[in-house]
Amino acid sequence: MRLPTKENLVTRGILPSAAHYCVSGCGGVESTQHLFLSCSTFGSLWSLVSSLIGSPAVSSQTLPDQFVQFTLSAGGLRARRSFMQLIWL
């Protein structure tokens, strides 16, 4: 995934190497994996979203796995799975 995270921008030479920390102030390196899964601020939003829409919380180690688990947590109805995909994206 190629998002303009601070880690990505440092790697591309757009930001200085000292500027790679997460915008939330949690102290982690701001990577895609960190923002969506392990950040104490932003990563925890997934459980909140899941509870708001009445879906079981998912726990995964990679973004593709998280997408699949979140989408499939909707059950067998295609319209509901599409809705879950829209929320995730």
PDB file of N, CA and C in Angstrom:
ATOM      1  N   MET A   1       0.853  -1.168   0.000  1.00  0.00           N
ATOM      2  CA  MET A   1       0.000   0.000   0.000  1.00  0.00           C
ATOM      3  C   MET A   1       0.900   1.231   0.000  1.00  0.00           C
ATOM      4  N   ARG A   2       0.622   2.167  -0.863  1.00  0.00           N
ATOM      5  CA  ARG A   2       1.472   3.354  -0.995  1.00  0.00           C
ATOM      6  C   ARG A   2       0.726   4.597  -0.535  1.00  0.00           C
ATOM      7  N   LEU A   3       0.635   4.755   0.744  1.00  0.00           N
ATOM      8  CA  LEU A   3       0.030   5.953   1.318  1.00  0.00           C
ATOM      9  C   LEU A   3       1.137   6.923   1.699  1.00  0.00           C
ATOM     10  N   PRO A   4       0.856   8.212   1.707  1.00  0.00           N
ATOM     11  CA  PRO A   4       1.889   9.187   2.070  1.00  0.00           C
ATOM     12  C   PRO A   4       2.121   9.249   3.581  1.00  0.00           C
ATOM     13  N   THR A   5       2.496   8.109   4.151  1.00  0.00           N
ATOM     14  CA  THR A   5       2.833   8.096   5.577  1.00  0.00           C
ATOM     15  C   THR A   5       4.188   8.775   5.754  1.00  0.00           C
ATOM     16  N   LYS A   6       4.491   9.135   6.968  1.00  0.00           N
ATOM     17  CA  LYS A   6       5.772   9.797   7.220  1.00  0.00           C
ATOM     18  C   LYS A   6       6.942   8.870   6.898  1.00  0.00           C
ATOM     19  N   GLU A   7       6.780   7.582   7.178  1.00  0.00           N
ATOM     20  CA  GLU A   7       7.841   6.624   6.842  1.00  0.00           C
ATOM     21  C   GLU A   7       8.096   6.615   5.338  1.00  0.00           C
ATOM     22  N   ASN A   8       7.036   6.613   4.562  1.00  0.00           N
ATOM     23  CA  ASN A   8       7.145   6.629   3.099  1.00  0.00           C
ATOM     24  C   ASN A   8       7.785   7.934   2.622  1.00  0.00           C
ATOM     25  N   LEU A   9       7.384   9.054   3.198  1.00  0.00           N
ATOM     26  CA  LEU A   9       7.927  10.352   2.788  1.00  0.00           C
ATOM     27  C   LEU A   9       9.404  10.512   3.165  1.00  0.00           C
ATOM     28  N   VAL A  10       9.811   9.928   4.294  1.00  0.00           N
ATOM     29  CA  VAL A  10      11.224   9.943   4.675  1.00  0.00           C
ATOM     30  C   VAL A  10      12.025   9.102   3.690  1.00  0.00           C
ATOM     31  N   THR A  11      11.508   7.916   3.361  1.00  0.00           N
ATOM     32  CA  THR A  11      12.178   7.028   2.413  1.00  0.00           C
ATOM     33  C   THR A  11      12.363   7.702   1.057  1.00  0.00           C
ATOM     34  N   ARG A  12      11.396   8.496   0.642  1.00  0.00           N
ATOM     35  CA  ARG A  12      11.458   9.180  -0.655  1.00  0.00           C
ATOM     36  C   ARG A  12      12.247  10.489  -0.592  1.00  0.00           C
ATOM     37  N   GLY A  13      12.741  10.850   0.587  1.00  0.00           N
ATOM     38  CA  GLY A  13      13.544  12.051   0.728  1.00  0.00           C
ATOM     39  C   GLY A  13      12.748  13.342   0.813  1.00  0.00           C
ATOM     40  N   ILE A  14      11.460  13.253   1.058  1.00  0.00           N
ATOM     41  CA  ILE A  14      10.610  14.438   1.136  1.00  0.00           C
ATOM     42  C   ILE A  14      10.648  15.047   2.541  1.00  0.00           C
ATOM     43  N   LEU A  15      10.753  14.186   3.557  1.00  0.00           N
ATOM     44  CA  LEU A  15      10.866  14.641   4.943  1.00  0.00           C
ATOM     45  C   LEU A  15      12.224  14.231   5.493  1.00  0.00           C
ATOM     46  N   PRO A  16      12.758  14.971   6.473  1.00  0.00           N
ATOM     47  CA  PRO A  16      14.004  14.548   7.109  1.00  0.00           C
ATOM     48  C   PRO A  16      13.777  13.287   7.950  1.00  0.00           C
ATOM     49  N   SER A  17      14.817  12.510   8.147  1.00  0.00           N
ATOM     50  CA  SER A  17      14.675  11.225   8.840  1.00  0.00           C
ATOM     51  C   SER A  17      14.135  11.358  10.264  1.00  0.00           C
ATOM     52  N   ALA A  18      14.342  12.478  10.900  1.00  0.00           N
ATOM     53  CA  ALA A  18      13.844  12.671  12.265  1.00  0.00           C
ATOM     54  C   ALA A  18      12.330  12.894  12.317  1.00  0.00           C
ATOM     55  N   ALA A  19      11.687  13.073  11.176  1.00  0.00           N
ATOM     56  CA  ALA A  19      10.257  13.395  11.133  1.00  0.00           C
ATOM     57  C   ALA A  19       9.377  12.176  10.856  1.00  0.00           C
ATOM     58  N   HIS A  20       9.838  10.988  11.195  1.00  0.00           N
ATOM     59  CA  HIS A  20       9.092   9.782  10.849  1.00  0.00           C
ATOM     60  C   HIS A  20       8.091   9.329  11.912  1.00  0.00           C
ATOM     61  N   TYR A  21       7.960  10.060  12.987  1.00  0.00           N
ATOM     62  CA  TYR A  21       7.066   9.631  14.075  1.00  0.00           C
ATOM     63  C   TYR A  21       5.595   9.913  13.766  1.00  0.00           C
ATOM     64  N   CYS A  22       4.743   9.068  14.311  1.00  0.00           N
ATOM     65  CA  CYS A  22       3.298   9.121  14.095  1.00  0.00           C
ATOM     66  C   CYS A  22       2.721  10.477  14.513  1.00  0.00           C
ATOM     67  N   VAL A  23       1.802  10.966  13.713  1.00  0.00           N
ATOM     68  CA  VAL A  23       1.160  12.258  13.959  1.00  0.00           C
ATOM     69  C   VAL A  23       0.336  12.252  15.257  1.00  0.00           C
ATOM     70  N   SER A  24      -0.048  11.070  15.735  1.00  0.00           N
ATOM     71  CA  SER A  24      -0.848  11.008  16.961  1.00  0.00           C
ATOM     72  C   SER A  24      -0.040  11.282  18.219  1.00  0.00           C
ATOM     73  N   GLY A  25       1.294  11.241  18.101  1.00  0.00           N
ATOM     74  CA  GLY A  25       2.137  11.464  19.269  1.00  0.00           C
ATOM     75  C   GLY A  25       2.375  10.219  20.098  1.00  0.00           C
ATOM     76  N   CYS A  26       2.035   9.059  19.565  1.00  0.00           N
ATOM     77  CA  CYS A  26       2.192   7.814  20.319  1.00  0.00           C
ATOM     78  C   CYS A  26       3.641   7.337  20.378  1.00  0.00           C
ATOM     79  N   GLY A  27       4.503   7.903  19.543  1.00  0.00           N
ATOM     80  CA  GLY A  27       5.913   7.543  19.567  1.00  0.00           C
ATOM     81  C   GLY A  27       6.326   6.503  18.549  1.00  0.00           C
ATOM     82  N   GLY A  28       5.377   5.908  17.830  1.00  0.00           N
ATOM     83  CA  GLY A  28       5.695   4.907  16.814  1.00  0.00           C
ATOM     84  C   GLY A  28       6.068   5.534  15.486  1.00  0.00           C
ATOM     85  N   VAL A  29       6.717   4.744  14.648  1.00  0.00           N
ATOM     86  CA  VAL A  29       7.030   5.186  13.294  1.00  0.00           C
ATOM     87  C   VAL A  29       5.744   5.133  12.484  1.00  0.00           C
ATOM     88  N   GLU A  30       5.415   6.221  11.790  1.00  0.00           N
ATOM     89  CA  GLU A  30       4.160   6.312  11.055  1.00  0.00           C
ATOM     90  C   GLU A  30       4.250   5.555   9.734  1.00  0.00           C
ATOM     91  N   SER A  31       3.894   4.275   9.780  1.00  0.00           N
ATOM     92  CA  SER A  31       3.800   3.436   8.591  1.00  0.00           C
ATOM     93  C   SER A  31       2.332   3.072   8.392  1.00  0.00           C
ATOM     94  N   THR A  32       2.018   2.506   7.259  1.00  0.00           N
ATOM     95  CA  THR A  32       0.639   2.086   6.997  1.00  0.00           C
ATOM     96  C   THR A  32       0.196   1.058   8.025  1.00  0.00           C
ATOM     97  N   GLN A  33       1.037   0.062   8.261  1.00  0.00           N
ATOM     98  CA  GLN A  33       0.745  -0.989   9.240  1.00  0.00           C
ATOM     99  C   GLN A  33       0.486  -0.374  10.618  1.00  0.00           C
ATOM    100  N   HIS A  34       1.322   0.564  11.009  1.00  0.00           N
ATOM    101  CA  HIS A  34       1.168   1.203  12.317  1.00  0.00           C
ATOM    102  C   HIS A  34      -0.148   1.970  12.411  1.00  0.00           C
ATOM    103  N   LEU A  35      -0.429   2.814  11.433  1.00  0.00           N
ATOM    104  CA  LEU A  35      -1.630   3.651  11.497  1.00  0.00           C
ATOM    105  C   LEU A  35      -2.913   2.836  11.577  1.00  0.00           C
ATOM    106  N   PHE A  36      -2.996   1.773  10.786  1.00  0.00           N
ATOM    107  CA  PHE A  36      -4.239   1.020  10.703  1.00  0.00           C
ATOM    108  C   PHE A  36      -4.365  -0.101  11.729  1.00  0.00           C
ATOM    109  N   LEU A  37      -3.255  -0.616  12.218  1.00  0.00           N
ATOM    110  CA  LEU A  37      -3.353  -1.790  13.082  1.00  0.00           C
ATOM    111  C   LEU A  37      -2.787  -1.617  14.483  1.00  0.00           C
ATOM    112  N   SER A  38      -1.673  -0.930  14.643  1.00  0.00           N
ATOM    113  CA  SER A  38      -1.037  -0.955  15.958  1.00  0.00           C
ATOM    114  C   SER A  38      -0.975   0.383  16.685  1.00  0.00           C
ATOM    115  N   CYS A  39      -1.360   1.462  16.049  1.00  0.00           N
ATOM    116  CA  CYS A  39      -1.330   2.765  16.719  1.00  0.00           C
ATOM    117  C   CYS A  39      -2.365   2.789  17.847  1.00  0.00           C
ATOM    118  N   SER A  40      -1.931   3.231  19.017  1.00  0.00           N
ATOM    119  CA  SER A  40      -2.850   3.267  20.155  1.00  0.00           C
ATOM    120  C   SER A  40      -3.999   4.256  19.941  1.00  0.00           C
ATOM    121  N   THR A  41      -3.809   5.242  19.082  1.00  0.00           N
ATOM    122  CA  THR A  41      -4.864   6.221  18.805  1.00  0.00           C
ATOM    123  C   THR A  41      -5.713   5.790  17.611  1.00  0.00           C
ATOM    124  N   PHE A  42      -5.101   5.646  16.452  1.00  0.00           N
ATOM    125  CA  PHE A  42      -5.859   5.376  15.232  1.00  0.00           C
ATOM    126  C   PHE A  42      -6.223   3.905  15.054  1.00  0.00           C
ATOM    127  N   GLY A  43      -5.353   3.009  15.464  1.00  0.00           N
ATOM    128  CA  GLY A  43      -5.639   1.582  15.348  1.00  0.00           C
ATOM    129  C   GLY A  43      -6.849   1.165  16.157  1.00  0.00           C
ATOM    130  N   SER A  44      -7.053   1.816  17.279  1.00  0.00           N
ATOM    131  CA  SER A  44      -8.182   1.469  18.151  1.00  0.00           C
ATOM    132  C   SER A  44      -9.527   1.919  17.572  1.00  0.00           C
ATOM    133  N   LEU A  45      -9.508   2.760  16.564  1.00  0.00           N
ATOM    134  CA  LEU A  45     -10.767   3.207  15.952  1.00  0.00           C
ATOM    135  C   LEU A  45     -11.529   2.068  15.287  1.00  0.00           C
ATOM    136  N   TRP A  46     -10.823   1.020  14.823  1.00  0.00           N
ATOM    137  CA  TRP A  46     -11.501  -0.096  14.167  1.00  0.00           C
ATOM    138  C   TRP A  46     -12.470  -0.798  15.100  1.00  0.00           C
ATOM    139  N   SER A  47     -12.102  -0.980  16.361  1.00  0.00           N
ATOM    140  CA  SER A  47     -13.024  -1.623  17.300  1.00  0.00           C
ATOM    141  C   SER A  47     -14.236  -0.736  17.552  1.00  0.00           C
ATOM    142  N   LEU A  48     -14.038   0.574  17.583  1.00  0.00           N
ATOM    143  CA  LEU A  48     -15.151   1.502  17.743  1.00  0.00           C
ATOM    144  C   LEU A  48     -16.093   1.439  16.535  1.00  0.00           C
ATOM    145  N   VAL A  49     -15.535   1.457  15.347  1.00  0.00           N
ATOM    146  CA  VAL A  49     -16.345   1.364  14.129  1.00  0.00           C
ATOM    147  C   VAL A  49     -17.117   0.048  14.123  1.00  0.00           C
ATOM    148  N   SER A  50     -16.453  -1.041  14.455  1.00  0.00           N
ATOM    149  CA  SER A  50     -17.117  -2.348  14.482  1.00  0.00           C
ATOM    150  C   SER A  50     -18.292  -2.357  15.450  1.00  0.00           C
ATOM    151  N   SER A  51     -18.098  -1.804  16.628  1.00  0.00           N
ATOM    152  CA  SER A  51     -19.190  -1.799  17.608  1.00  0.00           C
ATOM    153  C   SER A  51     -20.330  -0.888  17.172  1.00  0.00           C
ATOM    154  N   LEU A  52     -20.012   0.232  16.513  1.00  0.00           N
ATOM    155  CA  LEU A  52     -21.067   1.148  16.052  1.00  0.00           C
ATOM    156  C   LEU A  52     -21.960   0.528  14.989  1.00  0.00           C
ATOM    157  N   ILE A  53     -21.385  -0.323  14.143  1.00  0.00           N
ATOM    158  CA  ILE A  53     -22.191  -0.935  13.082  1.00  0.00           C
ATOM    159  C   ILE A  53     -22.661  -2.337  13.433  1.00  0.00           C
ATOM    160  N   GLY A  54     -22.391  -2.769  14.663  1.00  0.00           N
ATOM    161  CA  GLY A  54     -22.867  -4.059  15.130  1.00  0.00           C
ATOM    162  C   GLY A  54     -22.136  -5.246  14.534  1.00  0.00           C
ATOM    163  N   SER A  55     -20.877  -5.077  14.252  1.00  0.00           N
ATOM    164  CA  SER A  55     -20.066  -6.144  13.682  1.00  0.00           C
ATOM    165  C   SER A  55     -19.043  -6.592  14.719  1.00  0.00           C
ATOM    166  N   PRO A  56     -18.709  -7.882  14.717  1.00  0.00           N
ATOM    167  CA  PRO A  56     -17.678  -8.311  15.679  1.00  0.00           C
ATOM    168  C   PRO A  56     -16.329  -7.680  15.347  1.00  0.00           C
ATOM    169  N   ALA A  57     -15.558  -7.364  16.371  1.00  0.00           N
ATOM    170  CA  ALA A  57     -14.234  -6.789  16.162  1.00  0.00           C
ATOM    171  C   ALA A  57     -13.321  -7.820  15.508  1.00  0.00           C
ATOM    172  N   VAL A  58     -12.424  -7.369  14.663  1.00  0.00           N
ATOM    173  CA  VAL A  58     -11.477  -8.263  14.009  1.00  0.00           C
ATOM    174  C   VAL A  58     -10.076  -7.966  14.526  1.00  0.00           C
ATOM    175  N   SER A  59      -9.268  -8.995  14.543  1.00  0.00           N
ATOM    176  CA  SER A  59      -7.872  -8.799  14.932  1.00  0.00           C
ATOM    177  C   SER A  59      -7.015  -9.512  13.904  1.00  0.00           C
ATOM    178  N   SER A  60      -6.130  -8.787  13.294  1.00  0.00           N
ATOM    179  CA  SER A  60      -5.259  -9.359  12.284  1.00  0.00           C
ATOM    180  C   SER A  60      -3.909  -8.668  12.331  1.00  0.00           C
ATOM    181  N   GLN A  61      -2.940  -9.259  11.663  1.00  0.00           N
ATOM    182  CA  GLN A  61      -1.585  -8.740  11.681  1.00  0.00           C
ATOM    183  C   GLN A  61      -1.215  -7.982  10.420  1.00  0.00           C
ATOM    184  N   THR A  62      -2.002  -8.132   9.350  1.00  0.00           N
ATOM    185  CA  THR A  62      -1.696  -7.447   8.097  1.00  0.00           C
ATOM    186  C   THR A  62      -2.948  -6.737   7.593  1.00  0.00           C
ATOM    187  N   LEU A  63      -2.760  -5.703   6.799  1.00  0.00           N
ATOM    188  CA  LEU A  63      -3.901  -4.957   6.263  1.00  0.00           C
ATOM    189  C   LEU A  63      -4.781  -5.801   5.345  1.00  0.00           C
ATOM    190  N   PRO A  64      -4.213  -6.609   4.437  1.00  0.00           N
ATOM    191  CA  PRO A  64      -5.093  -7.446   3.610  1.00  0.00           C
ATOM    192  C   PRO A  64      -5.943  -8.399   4.451  1.00  0.00           C
ATOM    193  N   ASP A  65      -5.359  -9.000   5.483  1.00  0.00           N
ATOM    194  CA  ASP A  65      -6.125  -9.885   6.361  1.00  0.00           C
ATOM    195  C   ASP A  65      -7.211  -9.116   7.102  1.00  0.00           C
ATOM    196  N   GLN A  66      -6.892  -7.905   7.537  1.00  0.00           N
ATOM    197  CA  GLN A  66      -7.869  -7.087   8.247  1.00  0.00           C
ATOM    198  C   GLN A  66      -9.042  -6.748   7.341  1.00  0.00           C
ATOM    199  N   PHE A  67      -8.755  -6.417   6.083  1.00  0.00           N
ATOM    200  CA  PHE A  67      -9.812  -6.112   5.116  1.00  0.00           C
ATOM    201  C   PHE A  67     -10.728  -7.324   4.920  1.00  0.00           C
ATOM    202  N   VAL A  68     -10.147  -8.484   4.731  1.00  0.00           N
ATOM    203  CA  VAL A  68     -10.942  -9.702   4.508  1.00  0.00           C
ATOM    204  C   VAL A  68     -11.778 -10.018   5.735  1.00  0.00           C
ATOM    205  N   GLN A  69     -11.186  -9.998   6.922  1.00  0.00           N
ATOM    206  CA  GLN A  69     -11.928 -10.304   8.140  1.00  0.00           C
ATOM    207  C   GLN A  69     -13.053  -9.303   8.375  1.00  0.00           C
ATOM    208  N   PHE A  70     -12.772  -8.025   8.178  1.00  0.00           N
ATOM    209  CA  PHE A  70     -13.786  -6.998   8.381  1.00  0.00           C
ATOM    210  C   PHE A  70     -14.938  -7.178   7.405  1.00  0.00           C
ATOM    211  N   THR A  71     -14.615  -7.445   6.148  1.00  0.00           N
ATOM    212  CA  THR A  71     -15.638  -7.632   5.114  1.00  0.00           C
ATOM    213  C   THR A  71     -16.478  -8.878   5.385  1.00  0.00           C
ATOM    214  N   LEU A  72     -15.831  -9.982   5.718  1.00  0.00           N
ATOM    215  CA  LEU A  72     -16.549 -11.232   5.946  1.00  0.00           C
ATOM    216  C   LEU A  72     -17.326 -11.241   7.255  1.00  0.00           C
ATOM    217  N   SER A  73     -17.015 -10.325   8.152  1.00  0.00           N
ATOM    218  CA  SER A  73     -17.755 -10.274   9.413  1.00  0.00           C
ATOM    219  C   SER A  73     -19.209  -9.869   9.194  1.00  0.00           C
ATOM    220  N   ALA A  74     -19.529  -9.392   8.001  1.00  0.00           N
ATOM    221  CA  ALA A  74     -20.892  -8.977   7.684  1.00  0.00           C
ATOM    222  C   ALA A  74     -21.814 -10.152   7.424  1.00  0.00           C
ATOM    223  N   GLY A  75     -21.251 -11.322   7.223  1.00  0.00           N
ATOM    224  CA  GLY A  75     -22.073 -12.482   6.925  1.00  0.00           C
ATOM    225  C   GLY A  75     -22.182 -12.724   5.426  1.00  0.00           C
ATOM    226  N   GLY A  76     -23.208 -13.465   5.031  1.00  0.00           N
ATOM    227  CA  GLY A  76     -23.312 -13.931   3.662  1.00  0.00           C
ATOM    228  C   GLY A  76     -23.979 -12.992   2.666  1.00  0.00           C
ATOM    229  N   LEU A  77     -24.645 -11.959   3.116  1.00  0.00           N
ATOM    230  CA  LEU A  77     -25.352 -11.086   2.186  1.00  0.00           C
ATOM    231  C   LEU A  77     -24.370 -10.209   1.410  1.00  0.00           C
ATOM    232  N   ARG A  78     -24.473 -10.253   0.099  1.00  0.00           N
ATOM    233  CA  ARG A  78     -23.539  -9.513  -0.756  1.00  0.00           C
ATOM    234  C   ARG A  78     -23.627  -7.999  -0.520  1.00  0.00           C
ATOM    235  N   ALA A  79     -24.839  -7.481  -0.361  1.00  0.00           N
ATOM    236  CA  ALA A  79     -25.012  -6.040  -0.146  1.00  0.00           C
ATOM    237  C   ALA A  79     -24.331  -5.613   1.153  1.00  0.00           C
ATOM    238  N   ARG A  80     -24.438  -6.424   2.175  1.00  0.00           N
ATOM    239  CA  ARG A  80     -23.810  -6.094   3.465  1.00  0.00           C
ATOM    240  C   ARG A  80     -22.284  -6.147   3.350  1.00  0.00           C
ATOM    241  N   ARG A  81     -21.769  -7.151   2.633  1.00  0.00           N
ATOM    242  CA  ARG A  81     -20.314  -7.236   2.428  1.00  0.00           C
ATOM    243  C   ARG A  81     -19.815  -6.017   1.661  1.00  0.00           C
ATOM    244  N   SER A  82     -20.562  -5.585   0.649  1.00  0.00           N
ATOM    245  CA  SER A  82     -20.187  -4.393  -0.121  1.00  0.00           C
ATOM    246  C   SER A  82     -20.185  -3.155   0.766  1.00  0.00           C
ATOM    247  N   PHE A  83     -21.160  -3.064   1.655  1.00  0.00           N
ATOM    248  CA  PHE A  83     -21.228  -1.962   2.610  1.00  0.00           C
ATOM    249  C   PHE A  83     -20.000  -1.956   3.507  1.00  0.00           C
ATOM    250  N   MET A  84     -19.594  -3.128   3.986  1.00  0.00           N
ATOM    251  CA  MET A  84     -18.426  -3.242   4.857  1.00  0.00           C
ATOM    252  C   MET A  84     -17.151  -2.861   4.095  1.00  0.00           C
ATOM    253  N   GLN A  85     -17.065  -3.239   2.827  1.00  0.00           N
ATOM    254  CA  GLN A  85     -15.916  -2.865   2.020  1.00  0.00           C
ATOM    255  C   GLN A  85     -15.844  -1.345   1.877  1.00  0.00           C
ATOM    256  N   LEU A  86     -16.984  -0.727   1.663  1.00  0.00           N
ATOM    257  CA  LEU A  86     -17.047   0.726   1.534  1.00  0.00           C
ATOM    258  C   LEU A  86     -16.583   1.403   2.821  1.00  0.00           C
ATOM    259  N   ILE A  87     -17.025   0.925   3.952  1.00  0.00           N
ATOM    260  CA  ILE A  87     -16.600   1.498   5.235  1.00  0.00           C
ATOM    261  C   ILE A  87     -15.103   1.354   5.399  1.00  0.00           C
ATOM    262  N   TRP A  88     -14.572   0.182   5.106  1.00  0.00           N
ATOM    263  CA  TRP A  88     -13.132  -0.057   5.288  1.00  0.00           C
ATOM    264  C   TRP A  88     -12.312   0.856   4.395  1.00  0.00           C
ATOM    265  N   LEU A  89     -12.749   0.983   3.133  1.00  0.00           N
ATOM    266  CA  LEU A  89     -11.989   1.825   2.206  1.00  0.00           C
ATOM    267  C   LEU A  89     -12.135   3.297   2.551  1.00  0.00           C
TER     268      LEU A  89
END
